[in-house]
Amino acid sequence: MIDDLDIDLAPVVAEQPDPLLFATVSGAHLYGFPSQDSDVDLRGVHLLPAADLVGLREPEETRSRTWVRYGVELDLVTHDLRKFARLMLRRNGYVLEQLLSPLVVHTSEAHRELAALAPGVLTSHHAHHYRGFAVTQWRLFEKTGELKPLLYTFRVLLTGIHLLRSGEVQAHLPTLLDEVGAPGYLPELIAAKRDREHGKADVDHARVEADVERLHTLLDEAQAGSALPDAAGAQDALHDLVVRLRLEG
């Protein structure tokens, strides 16, 4: 049971065709600005049998399903362990946020081992992930005028800045507000988002554009001055973990 969702997600885990090493909540609930009608984004890792990887059939390395339960739309995406580990090594901040999400639906010792290796895959080049994601969301905001992509723009920029400065993956926007000098109007936007999932953003476009540009500059500066390495150091450890868990599975 995730307290802020007030629904029991354990049956979702039990229904999966292969064991889940972990399942967490991502999306707006993780980012700290869910609306009353937000869907629930479940993300995790499944473990395929070894025969599925060495046989002739194409393995289901990624599984995706969307359905309604308890009157709530659930969106479940899981990757096989090997694919997830490869994504971790590709400077993908999104999968690290899923792995380290505090909104845990299901966990295991394997989950804890993966999370322990997360610091070893962090690099200064994770800035590219957050920079690109922010550009995509800003374009969506300019196209639709909706509040959701605007908040996503601020969220990913602040997460990236914080990561490059501190080496910590922090996806929860309200937690980031004071730490990195976020615009003072963000709490009002977060509150507005909770009332309507697809509402328009009532903002001064020139002001928010200037703040987004400023945060891009801060991200560039954080990358230039980051103590994070240029390359991941956990590749061998991840390889060994994947092999061991596959054999044990």
Protein backbone atom coordinates (compact mmCIF):
# COMPACT_ATOMS: atom_id res chain seq x y z
CA MET A 1 0.00 0.00 0.00
CA ILE A 2 1.35 3.44 -1.00
CA ASP A 3 -0.09 5.84 1.57
CA ASP A 4 -0.57 8.86 -0.68
CA LEU A 5 -2.34 6.71 -3.29
CA ASP A 6 -4.57 4.84 -0.82
CA ILE A 7 -4.84 1.80 -3.10
CA ASP A 8 -3.38 -1.68 -2.77
CA LEU A 9 -1.01 -2.36 -5.65
CA ALA A 10 0.30 -5.71 -4.38
CA PRO A 11 -2.09 -7.72 -6.60
CA VAL A 12 -0.56 -6.06 -9.67
CA VAL A 13 2.83 -7.49 -8.71
CA ALA A 14 1.39 -10.97 -8.11
CA GLU A 15 -0.23 -11.02 -11.57
CA GLN A 16 2.99 -10.59 -13.54
CA PRO A 17 4.11 -13.59 -15.65
CA ASP A 18 7.71 -13.44 -14.38
CA PRO A 19 9.09 -12.41 -10.99
CA LEU A 20 9.48 -8.70 -10.38
CA LEU A 21 12.68 -7.65 -8.67
CA PHE A 22 11.06 -4.36 -7.81
CA ALA A 23 8.12 -2.14 -8.65
CA THR A 24 7.91 1.54 -7.75
CA VAL A 25 5.69 4.50 -8.49
CA SER A 26 7.09 7.09 -10.89
CA GLY A 27 5.49 10.01 -12.74
CA ALA A 28 3.63 12.86 -11.09
CA HIS A 29 3.25 11.05 -7.76
CA LEU A 30 7.02 10.70 -7.50
CA TYR A 31 7.62 14.23 -8.77
CA GLY A 32 5.34 15.72 -6.11
CA PHE A 33 2.58 17.22 -8.24
CA PRO A 34 -0.13 14.61 -8.90
CA SER A 35 -3.58 15.87 -9.72
CA GLN A 36 -6.81 14.31 -8.51
CA ASP A 37 -7.16 12.39 -11.77
CA SER A 38 -3.49 11.53 -12.41
CA ASP A 39 -2.81 8.00 -13.55
CA VAL A 40 -0.43 5.82 -11.54
CA ASP A 41 2.85 5.11 -13.30
CA LEU A 42 4.30 1.81 -12.12
CA ARG A 43 7.85 0.98 -13.18
CA GLY A 44 10.02 -2.00 -12.42
CA VAL A 45 12.25 -4.88 -13.43
CA HIS A 46 11.23 -8.43 -14.26
CA LEU A 47 13.52 -11.44 -14.49
CA LEU A 48 13.16 -13.60 -17.57
CA PRO A 49 14.15 -17.27 -17.41
CA ALA A 50 17.53 -17.96 -19.00
CA ALA A 51 15.81 -20.09 -21.67
CA ASP A 52 13.97 -17.02 -22.94
CA LEU A 53 17.29 -15.32 -23.71
CA VAL A 54 19.21 -18.22 -25.26
CA GLY A 55 16.38 -19.82 -27.26
CA LEU A 56 14.95 -18.92 -30.65
CA ARG A 57 12.03 -16.78 -29.49
CA GLU A 58 12.41 -13.04 -29.10
CA PRO A 59 12.47 -12.25 -25.36
CA GLU A 60 9.99 -9.81 -23.82
CA GLU A 61 12.61 -7.43 -22.58
CA THR A 62 10.04 -4.67 -22.11
CA ARG A 63 6.43 -5.14 -21.08
CA SER A 64 3.87 -2.36 -21.10
CA ARG A 65 0.24 -2.36 -20.05
CA THR A 66 -2.37 0.30 -19.29
CA TRP A 67 -5.69 -0.50 -17.62
CA VAL A 68 -8.16 0.78 -15.02
CA ARG A 69 -8.41 -0.66 -11.52
CA TYR A 70 -10.03 0.81 -8.41
CA GLY A 71 -11.28 3.57 -10.72
CA VAL A 72 -7.68 4.65 -11.37
CA GLU A 73 -5.72 4.32 -14.61
CA LEU A 74 -2.62 2.22 -14.05
CA ASP A 75 0.34 2.32 -16.43
CA LEU A 76 2.84 -0.49 -15.89
CA VAL A 77 6.19 -0.73 -17.69
CA THR A 78 8.85 -3.25 -16.71
CA HIS A 79 12.19 -4.15 -18.28
CA ASP A 80 14.09 -7.40 -18.02
CA LEU A 81 17.05 -7.10 -15.68
CA ARG A 82 19.66 -7.12 -18.47
CA LYS A 83 17.95 -4.33 -20.40
CA PHE A 84 17.46 -2.28 -17.25
CA ALA A 85 21.14 -2.62 -16.34
CA ARG A 86 22.11 -1.48 -19.83
CA LEU A 87 19.83 1.54 -19.49
CA MET A 88 21.51 2.37 -16.19
CA LEU A 89 24.83 2.48 -18.03
CA ARG A 90 23.47 4.74 -20.78
CA ARG A 91 23.26 7.84 -18.60
CA ASN A 92 19.51 7.43 -18.32
CA GLY A 93 18.31 9.46 -15.36
CA TYR A 94 14.75 8.25 -15.81
CA VAL A 95 15.52 4.62 -14.89
CA LEU A 96 17.61 5.73 -11.92
CA GLU A 97 14.66 7.75 -10.63
CA GLN A 98 12.52 4.62 -10.91
CA LEU A 99 15.10 2.45 -9.19
CA LEU A 100 15.53 4.91 -6.31
CA SER A 101 11.90 6.00 -5.99
CA PRO A 102 10.81 6.07 -2.32
CA LEU A 103 7.30 5.01 -3.42
CA VAL A 104 7.99 1.28 -3.30
CA VAL A 105 5.28 -1.20 -4.24
CA HIS A 106 7.50 -4.28 -4.22
CA THR A 107 11.16 -4.79 -3.32
CA SER A 108 13.71 -7.56 -2.94
CA GLU A 109 17.35 -8.11 -2.09
CA ALA A 110 18.10 -7.77 -5.83
CA HIS A 111 16.43 -4.34 -5.77
CA ARG A 112 18.64 -3.29 -2.90
CA GLU A 113 21.75 -4.55 -4.72
CA LEU A 114 20.82 -2.63 -7.87
CA ALA A 115 20.17 0.54 -5.87
CA ALA A 116 23.54 0.16 -4.14
CA LEU A 117 25.23 0.19 -7.56
CA ALA A 118 23.40 3.34 -8.72
CA PRO A 119 26.10 5.79 -7.50
CA GLY A 120 28.61 3.91 -9.64
CA VAL A 121 26.77 4.71 -12.86
CA LEU A 122 26.37 8.45 -12.26
CA THR A 123 28.45 10.66 -14.54
CA SER A 124 28.65 14.33 -15.45
CA HIS A 125 27.11 13.38 -18.80
CA HIS A 126 23.75 12.72 -17.15
CA ALA A 127 23.29 16.43 -17.81
CA HIS A 128 22.51 15.52 -21.43
CA HIS A 129 19.52 13.42 -20.35
CA TYR A 130 17.99 16.20 -18.29
CA ARG A 131 18.81 18.92 -20.79
CA GLY A 132 17.18 17.00 -23.63
CA PHE A 133 14.12 16.07 -21.58
CA ALA A 134 13.66 19.71 -20.56
CA VAL A 135 13.83 20.91 -24.17
CA THR A 136 11.19 18.36 -25.21
CA GLN A 137 8.83 19.34 -22.38
CA TRP A 138 9.32 23.06 -23.02
CA ARG A 139 8.37 22.58 -26.68
CA LEU A 140 5.26 20.71 -25.57
CA PHE A 141 4.37 23.55 -23.20
CA GLU A 142 4.78 26.11 -25.98
CA LYS A 143 2.55 24.01 -28.23
CA THR A 144 -0.23 23.28 -25.72
CA GLY A 145 0.08 25.97 -23.06
CA GLU A 146 -0.62 23.29 -20.46
CA LEU A 147 0.74 23.40 -16.93
CA LYS A 148 1.90 19.77 -16.86
CA PRO A 149 4.77 20.04 -19.38
CA LEU A 150 5.82 23.36 -17.82
CA LEU A 151 6.17 21.70 -14.42
CA TYR A 152 8.01 18.80 -16.04
CA THR A 153 10.41 21.31 -17.60
CA PHE A 154 11.23 22.83 -14.24
CA ARG A 155 11.36 19.44 -12.53
CA VAL A 156 13.90 17.87 -14.86
CA LEU A 157 16.14 20.94 -14.91
CA LEU A 158 16.19 21.15 -11.12
CA THR A 159 16.75 17.40 -10.79
CA GLY A 160 19.66 17.61 -13.22
CA ILE A 161 21.23 20.60 -11.47
CA HIS A 162 20.91 18.90 -8.09
CA LEU A 163 22.39 15.66 -9.41
CA LEU A 164 25.41 17.38 -10.98
CA ARG A 165 26.05 19.41 -7.85
CA SER A 166 25.47 16.77 -5.19
CA GLY A 167 25.63 13.34 -6.82
CA GLU A 168 22.12 12.62 -5.51
CA VAL A 169 19.13 11.62 -7.63
CA GLN A 170 16.20 13.70 -6.35
CA ALA A 171 13.05 13.72 -8.47
CA HIS A 172 10.62 15.28 -5.96
CA LEU A 173 10.06 18.87 -7.05
CA PRO A 174 8.82 20.26 -3.70
CA THR A 175 12.02 18.96 -2.07
CA LEU A 176 14.12 20.79 -4.65
CA LEU A 177 12.53 24.20 -4.29
CA ASP A 178 14.88 25.69 -1.69
CA GLU A 179 18.00 23.70 -2.45
CA VAL A 180 18.72 25.02 -5.93
CA GLY A 181 17.11 28.46 -6.00
CA ALA A 182 14.00 27.51 -7.92
CA PRO A 183 11.59 30.25 -9.06
CA GLY A 184 9.44 31.46 -6.20
CA TYR A 185 6.16 30.88 -8.01
CA LEU A 186 6.62 27.11 -8.37
CA PRO A 187 4.60 26.23 -5.24
CA GLU A 188 1.61 28.02 -6.77
CA LEU A 189 2.01 26.06 -10.02
CA ILE A 190 2.27 22.79 -8.08
CA ALA A 191 -0.93 23.61 -6.21
CA ALA A 192 -2.71 24.48 -9.46
CA LYS A 193 -1.60 21.20 -11.06
CA ARG A 194 -3.20 19.23 -8.21
CA ASP A 195 -6.58 20.68 -9.16
CA ARG A 196 -6.46 19.84 -12.88
CA GLU A 197 -4.33 17.35 -14.83
CA HIS A 198 -4.55 19.05 -18.21
CA GLY A 199 -5.26 22.66 -17.30
CA LYS A 200 -3.69 25.65 -18.96
CA ALA A 201 -0.76 27.39 -17.29
CA ASP A 202 -1.74 30.83 -16.02
CA VAL A 203 1.76 32.32 -16.19
CA ASP A 204 3.74 35.18 -17.65
CA HIS A 205 5.31 33.43 -20.63
CA ALA A 206 8.28 35.78 -20.87
CA ARG A 207 9.04 35.35 -17.18
CA VAL A 208 8.93 31.56 -17.19
CA GLU A 209 10.94 31.45 -20.42
CA ALA A 210 13.65 33.57 -18.80
CA ASP A 211 13.68 31.32 -15.75
CA VAL A 212 13.94 28.19 -17.88
CA GLU A 213 16.87 29.71 -19.78
CA ARG A 214 18.51 30.62 -16.46
CA LEU A 215 18.15 27.05 -15.22
CA HIS A 216 19.66 25.74 -18.44
CA THR A 217 22.67 27.97 -17.73
CA LEU A 218 22.86 26.65 -14.17
CA LEU A 219 22.74 23.09 -15.50
CA ASP A 220 25.62 23.85 -17.87
CA GLU A 221 27.60 25.37 -15.01
CA ALA A 222 26.81 22.44 -12.73
CA GLN A 223 28.03 20.01 -15.39
CA ALA A 224 31.24 21.97 -15.93
CA GLY A 225 31.99 22.02 -12.20
CA SER A 226 30.65 18.58 -11.29
CA ALA A 227 32.74 16.16 -9.26
CA LEU A 228 31.01 13.25 -11.01
CA PRO A 229 33.25 11.18 -13.31
CA ASP A 230 33.11 11.15 -17.10
CA ALA A 231 32.36 7.42 -17.27
CA ALA A 232 30.47 4.90 -15.17
CA GLY A 233 32.56 2.69 -12.94
CA ALA A 234 30.01 0.02 -12.07
CA GLN A 235 29.82 -1.86 -15.37
CA ASP A 236 31.65 -4.97 -14.16
CA ALA A 237 29.66 -5.08 -10.93
CA LEU A 238 26.39 -4.76 -12.84
CA HIS A 239 27.46 -7.51 -15.23
CA ASP A 240 28.27 -9.84 -12.33
CA LEU A 241 24.95 -9.06 -10.65
CA VAL A 242 22.95 -9.75 -13.81
CA VAL A 243 24.71 -13.08 -14.38
CA ARG A 244 24.28 -14.20 -10.77
CA LEU A 245 20.62 -13.26 -10.54
CA ARG A 246 19.88 -14.93 -13.88
CA LEU A 247 21.51 -18.16 -12.77
CA GLU A 248 19.76 -18.05 -9.42
CA GLY A 249 16.46 -17.33 -11.13
